[in-house]
Amino acid sequence: KDGLVHISELADFRVKRTEDVAKIGEMIWVKCIGIDDKGRVKLSRKAALKERAETEGAGMPEGGGEEGRGQVDRAERQPVH
């Protein structure tokens, strides 16, 4: 199933442009951080990188959502209201 990584979930620092962190077609690590009431999958690169750093060498990560790799399909700019 497809999911969305919000720009605030790309890195633990302020990201001005998604292209600065991930390019279209690039494979990135993400973690499922939830599913909203409309069934949309919410993903986080920031959480996946943090978990991988904490558990490096310790085997499988414990607790929380599923972790995996995904391909960057597109970047969208959303207007702020």
Protein backbone atom coordinates (compact mmCIF):
# COMPACT_ATOMS: atom_id res chain seq x y z
CA LYS A 1 0.00 0.00 0.00
CA ASP A 2 1.19 3.52 -0.74
CA GLY A 3 1.88 5.96 2.06
CA LEU A 4 2.88 9.57 2.60
CA VAL A 5 5.96 11.00 4.30
CA HIS A 6 5.17 14.55 5.41
CA ILE A 7 8.05 17.01 4.93
CA SER A 8 8.34 17.35 8.74
CA GLU A 9 9.01 13.58 8.92
CA LEU A 10 11.89 13.56 6.41
CA ALA A 11 14.68 14.59 8.81
CA ASP A 12 15.35 15.77 12.36
CA PHE A 13 16.22 19.22 11.01
CA ARG A 14 14.15 21.78 9.08
CA VAL A 15 13.78 20.70 5.45
CA LYS A 16 13.05 23.54 3.04
CA ARG A 17 12.74 21.39 -0.09
CA THR A 18 12.05 17.66 -0.21
CA GLU A 19 14.59 17.38 -3.03
CA ASP A 20 17.33 18.32 -0.53
CA VAL A 21 16.70 15.04 1.35
CA ALA A 22 15.23 12.56 -1.14
CA LYS A 23 15.24 12.43 -4.92
CA ILE A 24 12.45 10.96 -7.06
CA GLY A 25 13.25 7.31 -7.75
CA GLU A 26 15.52 7.00 -4.69
CA MET A 27 14.93 4.19 -2.18
CA ILE A 28 14.65 5.46 1.41
CA TRP A 29 14.03 3.82 4.80
CA VAL A 30 10.64 4.66 6.32
CA LYS A 31 8.61 3.60 9.34
CA CYS A 32 4.82 3.38 9.54
CA ILE A 33 3.80 5.77 12.30
CA GLY A 34 0.06 5.48 11.88
CA ILE A 35 -3.02 5.17 9.75
CA ASP A 36 -5.47 8.06 9.76
CA ASP A 37 -9.26 7.82 9.91
CA LYS A 38 -9.42 7.77 6.09
CA GLY A 39 -7.10 4.75 5.92
CA ARG A 40 -4.07 6.70 4.67
CA VAL A 41 -0.70 5.34 5.78
CA LYS A 42 1.52 7.88 7.55
CA LEU A 43 5.25 7.23 7.15
CA SER A 44 8.36 8.74 8.73
CA ARG A 45 11.92 8.69 7.43
CA LYS A 46 13.04 10.52 10.59
CA ALA A 47 11.67 7.77 12.88
CA ALA A 48 13.16 5.00 10.73
CA LEU A 49 16.63 6.57 10.78
CA LYS A 50 16.46 7.16 14.55
CA GLU A 51 15.35 3.58 15.23
CA ARG A 52 18.02 2.14 12.94
CA ALA A 53 20.72 4.17 14.71
CA GLU A 54 19.49 3.06 18.17
CA THR A 55 19.26 -0.63 17.27
CA GLU A 56 22.26 -0.93 14.96
CA GLY A 57 23.92 -4.20 15.72
CA ALA A 58 21.11 -5.27 18.06
CA GLY A 59 19.08 -7.19 15.48
CA MET A 60 15.43 -6.48 14.81
CA PRO A 61 13.94 -3.22 16.07
CA GLU A 62 11.40 -3.75 18.83
CA GLY A 63 7.95 -2.25 19.27
CA GLY A 64 6.32 0.48 17.23
CA GLY A 65 5.39 0.34 13.59
CA GLU A 66 6.72 -1.62 10.68
CA GLU A 67 9.95 -0.48 9.08
CA GLY A 68 10.84 -0.91 5.45
CA ARG A 69 12.22 0.71 2.36
CA GLY A 70 10.18 2.59 -0.18
CA GLN A 71 10.80 4.35 -3.45
CA VAL A 72 10.22 8.08 -3.72
CA ASP A 73 7.41 8.39 -6.25
CA ARG A 74 6.76 12.12 -6.31
CA ALA A 75 7.13 15.34 -4.33
CA GLU A 76 4.14 17.63 -3.94
CA ARG A 77 3.98 21.18 -2.76
CA GLN A 78 0.91 21.89 -0.66
CA PRO A 79 -0.34 25.44 -0.05
CA VAL A 80 -0.35 26.61 3.56
CA HIS A 81 -3.68 28.06 4.68
